[in-house]
Amino acid sequence: MQQSSKLINIGFGNIMMASRIIAIVSPDSAPIKRLVSEGRDKGIIIDATYGRRTRAVIITDSDYIVLSSVQPETIAGRIAGKDIHDSIEIEDI
């Protein structure tokens, strides 16, 4: 059985599987800031910002929280396939 999984660029050459994403949210609200703060304490944050400002918080199905410096709309567009240069399809055999 073959399944197709999509890899997306979340900034600075960092790639993640689109199928693992539950939500992509802006980091500006108090509940999201609290979620990120608690995630840092638990050690479940993956910081892919390279020291830049966090513009998107990506919540995964494995309870990891990924910080990206790319806008949520841009990441969503890459998942939807609107930016063909920033997404890759792979096949699982």
Protein backbone atom coordinates (compact mmCIF):
# COMPACT_ATOMS: atom_id res chain seq x y z
CA MET A 1 0.00 0.00 0.00
CA GLN A 2 1.40 3.38 -0.99
CA GLN A 3 0.67 6.57 0.85
CA SER A 4 1.73 10.01 -0.25
CA SER A 5 3.05 12.35 2.42
CA LYS A 6 3.81 15.99 1.86
CA LEU A 7 6.86 17.70 3.30
CA ILE A 8 6.66 21.47 3.69
CA ASN A 9 9.29 24.12 4.24
CA ILE A 10 8.61 25.97 7.52
CA GLY A 11 11.51 28.39 7.05
CA PHE A 12 15.29 28.41 6.73
CA GLY A 13 15.30 25.00 5.05
CA ASN A 14 13.48 23.31 7.94
CA ILE A 15 11.03 20.70 6.70
CA MET A 16 8.16 18.94 8.41
CA MET A 17 5.42 16.53 7.40
CA ALA A 18 2.16 18.29 6.64
CA SER A 19 0.17 15.25 7.79
CA ARG A 20 1.43 15.72 11.37
CA ILE A 21 0.07 19.28 11.69
CA ILE A 22 -3.07 19.83 13.76
CA ALA A 23 -3.06 23.64 13.80
CA ILE A 24 -1.05 26.64 12.65
CA VAL A 25 -1.73 29.68 14.82
CA SER A 26 -0.44 33.18 15.39
CA PRO A 27 1.69 33.57 18.55
CA ASP A 28 0.09 36.87 19.57
CA SER A 29 -2.77 35.77 21.82
CA ALA A 30 -2.33 35.17 25.55
CA PRO A 31 -3.48 31.51 25.42
CA ILE A 32 -0.93 30.69 22.70
CA LYS A 33 1.83 32.52 24.58
CA ARG A 34 0.92 30.47 27.66
CA LEU A 35 0.94 27.26 25.59
CA VAL A 36 4.43 28.06 24.26
CA SER A 37 5.69 28.96 27.73
CA GLU A 38 4.35 25.71 29.20
CA GLY A 39 5.81 23.81 26.23
CA ARG A 40 9.26 25.25 26.95
CA ASP A 41 8.98 24.03 30.54
CA LYS A 42 7.99 20.54 29.35
CA GLY A 43 10.68 20.41 26.66
CA ILE A 44 8.26 19.93 23.76
CA ILE A 45 9.20 23.05 21.79
CA ILE A 46 11.06 22.80 18.49
CA ASP A 47 12.40 26.25 17.65
CA ALA A 48 12.89 26.62 13.89
CA THR A 49 13.12 30.43 13.94
CA TYR A 50 16.93 30.73 13.86
CA GLY A 51 16.62 33.57 16.36
CA ARG A 52 14.08 35.49 14.32
CA ARG A 53 10.67 36.61 15.51
CA THR A 54 8.12 33.79 15.91
CA ARG A 55 5.30 34.35 13.44
CA ALA A 56 3.64 30.94 13.52
CA VAL A 57 3.11 28.30 16.17
CA ILE A 58 2.57 24.83 14.68
CA ILE A 59 0.88 22.26 16.89
CA THR A 60 1.52 18.64 15.92
CA ASP A 61 -0.40 15.42 16.52
CA SER A 62 2.51 14.14 18.63
CA ASP A 63 2.12 17.02 21.13
CA TYR A 64 5.20 18.90 19.93
CA ILE A 65 5.01 22.62 19.30
CA VAL A 66 7.07 24.00 16.43
CA LEU A 67 7.96 27.69 16.26
CA SER A 68 8.44 29.19 12.80
CA SER A 69 9.37 32.65 11.53
CA VAL A 70 7.11 32.16 8.50
CA GLN A 71 3.58 33.58 8.51
CA PRO A 72 0.75 31.07 9.19
CA GLU A 73 -0.89 31.99 5.87
CA THR A 74 2.32 31.17 3.99
CA ILE A 75 2.63 27.77 5.65
CA ALA A 76 -1.04 27.03 4.95
CA GLY A 77 -0.51 27.99 1.30
CA ARG A 78 2.44 25.60 1.08
CA ILE A 79 0.30 22.80 2.51
CA ALA A 80 -2.45 23.58 0.00
CA GLY A 81 0.13 23.33 -2.79
CA LYS A 82 0.06 26.97 -3.84
CA ASP A 83 3.85 27.27 -3.56
CA ILE A 84 5.25 24.33 -5.50
CA HIS A 85 8.89 25.23 -4.75
CA ASP A 86 8.43 24.95 -0.99
CA SER A 87 6.72 21.56 -0.73
CA ILE A 88 7.82 18.07 -1.65
CA GLU A 89 5.79 14.90 -2.10
CA ILE A 90 7.27 11.63 -0.88
CA GLU A 91 5.90 8.13 -1.18
CA ASP A 92 5.89 5.63 1.65
CA ILE A 93 6.24 2.07 0.44
